[in-house]
Amino acid sequence: MTSAVSAIADTWGMHDDDVGWGWMMVMGPLMMLFWVVVVIGVIWFFRRPEHPWSRPAESPAKREGPLEILDRRFAEGAISPEDYRARRSVLLAGTEEPRSAGEGELR
């Protein structure tokens, strides 16, 4: 490849104190290729998800925990204060009380 480039460059007056068209034909496309690689590299670098300046990635939907769901349902009025307190104590204690048939249904 190097000999082919030198042969093309030498054909158009490289050694006559004149750079000539040979080097322009060789270096023009190489310069364009260099800048394309630089631009693609910069885009790739800044679009990586772990990069601190990258655009914000789509955040996964936040999952609510059991207490957050219970608090939200109480705030919406879906459960009574007594039911809220009973369920909250069960969740905080980490043990489940035995339920009678139909008691586990949500209103």
Protein backbone atom coordinates (compact mmCIF):
# COMPACT_ATOMS: atom_id res chain seq x y z
CA MET A 1 0.00 0.00 0.00
CA THR A 2 2.82 2.40 0.87
CA SER A 3 4.55 1.88 -2.46
CA ALA A 4 1.28 2.49 -4.30
CA VAL A 5 0.73 5.73 -2.39
CA SER A 6 4.29 6.86 -3.07
CA ALA A 7 3.96 5.98 -6.75
CA ILE A 8 0.77 8.03 -7.08
CA ALA A 9 2.27 10.95 -5.16
CA ASP A 10 5.49 10.89 -7.14
CA THR A 11 3.68 10.97 -10.46
CA TRP A 12 2.53 14.53 -10.10
CA GLY A 13 5.64 16.48 -9.23
CA MET A 14 6.36 15.66 -5.62
CA HIS A 15 10.10 16.11 -6.01
CA ASP A 16 10.05 19.30 -8.11
CA ASP A 17 9.59 21.65 -5.12
CA ASP A 18 5.91 21.28 -5.80
CA VAL A 19 3.59 19.06 -3.81
CA GLY A 20 1.14 18.79 -6.68
CA TRP A 21 -2.13 16.98 -7.22
CA GLY A 22 -0.75 13.56 -6.32
CA TRP A 23 -0.59 14.30 -2.61
CA MET A 24 -3.92 16.09 -2.67
CA MET A 25 -5.56 13.01 -4.19
CA VAL A 26 -3.99 10.75 -1.56
CA MET A 27 -4.24 12.94 1.52
CA GLY A 28 -7.72 14.38 0.88
CA PRO A 29 -9.57 11.05 1.29
CA LEU A 30 -7.26 10.03 4.15
CA MET A 31 -8.01 13.28 5.97
CA MET A 32 -11.75 12.77 5.45
CA LEU A 33 -11.46 9.19 6.74
CA PHE A 34 -9.54 10.43 9.80
CA TRP A 35 -12.22 13.00 10.69
CA VAL A 36 -15.03 10.50 10.17
CA VAL A 37 -13.31 8.12 12.59
CA VAL A 38 -12.79 10.94 15.12
CA VAL A 39 -16.46 12.01 14.96
CA ILE A 40 -17.71 8.43 15.26
CA GLY A 41 -15.35 7.86 18.22
CA VAL A 42 -16.58 10.98 20.03
CA ILE A 43 -20.24 10.04 19.44
CA TRP A 44 -19.60 6.50 20.65
CA PHE A 45 -17.75 7.76 23.74
CA PHE A 46 -20.51 10.12 24.84
CA ARG A 47 -23.39 7.74 24.11
CA ARG A 48 -22.14 4.95 26.36
CA PRO A 49 -24.59 4.44 29.25
CA GLU A 50 -21.86 4.44 31.89
CA HIS A 51 -20.47 7.78 30.77
CA PRO A 52 -21.47 10.56 33.22
CA TRP A 53 -22.28 13.03 30.42
CA SER A 54 -24.27 10.63 28.33
CA ARG A 55 -27.89 11.37 27.69
CA PRO A 56 -30.15 10.00 30.38
CA ALA A 57 -31.08 6.43 29.70
CA GLU A 58 -34.64 5.30 30.00
CA SER A 59 -35.03 4.59 33.69
CA PRO A 60 -36.88 1.43 34.56
CA ALA A 61 -40.20 1.94 36.27
CA LYS A 62 -39.77 2.23 40.01
CA ARG A 63 -41.32 -0.68 41.80
CA GLU A 64 -43.31 0.12 44.90
CA GLY A 65 -42.61 -1.83 48.04
CA PRO A 66 -45.40 -3.34 50.14
CA LEU A 67 -45.45 -0.44 52.62
CA GLU A 68 -45.56 2.13 49.81
CA ILE A 69 -48.50 0.31 48.22
CA LEU A 70 -50.28 0.16 51.58
CA ASP A 71 -49.66 3.88 52.22
CA ARG A 72 -50.91 4.78 48.73
CA ARG A 73 -54.06 2.67 49.08
CA PHE A 74 -54.79 4.23 52.48
CA ALA A 75 -54.27 7.73 51.05
CA GLU A 76 -56.65 6.88 48.19
CA GLY A 77 -59.28 5.77 50.70
CA ALA A 78 -59.31 2.18 49.46
CA ILE A 79 -58.81 0.75 52.96
CA SER A 80 -60.05 1.79 56.38
CA PRO A 81 -57.76 3.12 59.16
CA GLU A 82 -58.23 -0.08 61.19
CA ASP A 83 -57.39 -2.25 58.19
CA TYR A 84 -54.37 -0.01 57.44
CA ARG A 85 -53.01 -0.35 60.97
CA ALA A 86 -53.52 -4.12 61.02
CA ARG A 87 -51.83 -4.65 57.65
CA ARG A 88 -49.00 -2.28 58.51
CA SER A 89 -48.26 -4.10 61.76
CA VAL A 90 -48.16 -7.40 59.87
CA LEU A 91 -45.78 -5.97 57.27
CA LEU A 92 -43.49 -4.40 59.87
CA ALA A 93 -43.44 -7.52 62.06
CA GLY A 94 -42.61 -9.69 59.07
CA THR A 95 -45.01 -12.40 60.12
CA GLU A 96 -48.39 -13.05 58.72
CA GLU A 97 -51.36 -13.72 60.94
CA PRO A 98 -53.63 -16.57 59.96
CA ARG A 99 -56.60 -15.35 57.92
CA SER A 100 -60.09 -16.63 57.85
CA ALA A 101 -61.75 -17.36 54.51
CA GLY A 102 -62.45 -14.18 52.55
CA GLU A 103 -60.51 -11.92 54.92
CA GLY A 104 -57.59 -11.56 52.49
CA GLU A 105 -59.69 -9.87 49.82
CA LEU A 106 -59.02 -6.21 49.22
CA ARG A 107 -61.88 -3.79 49.19
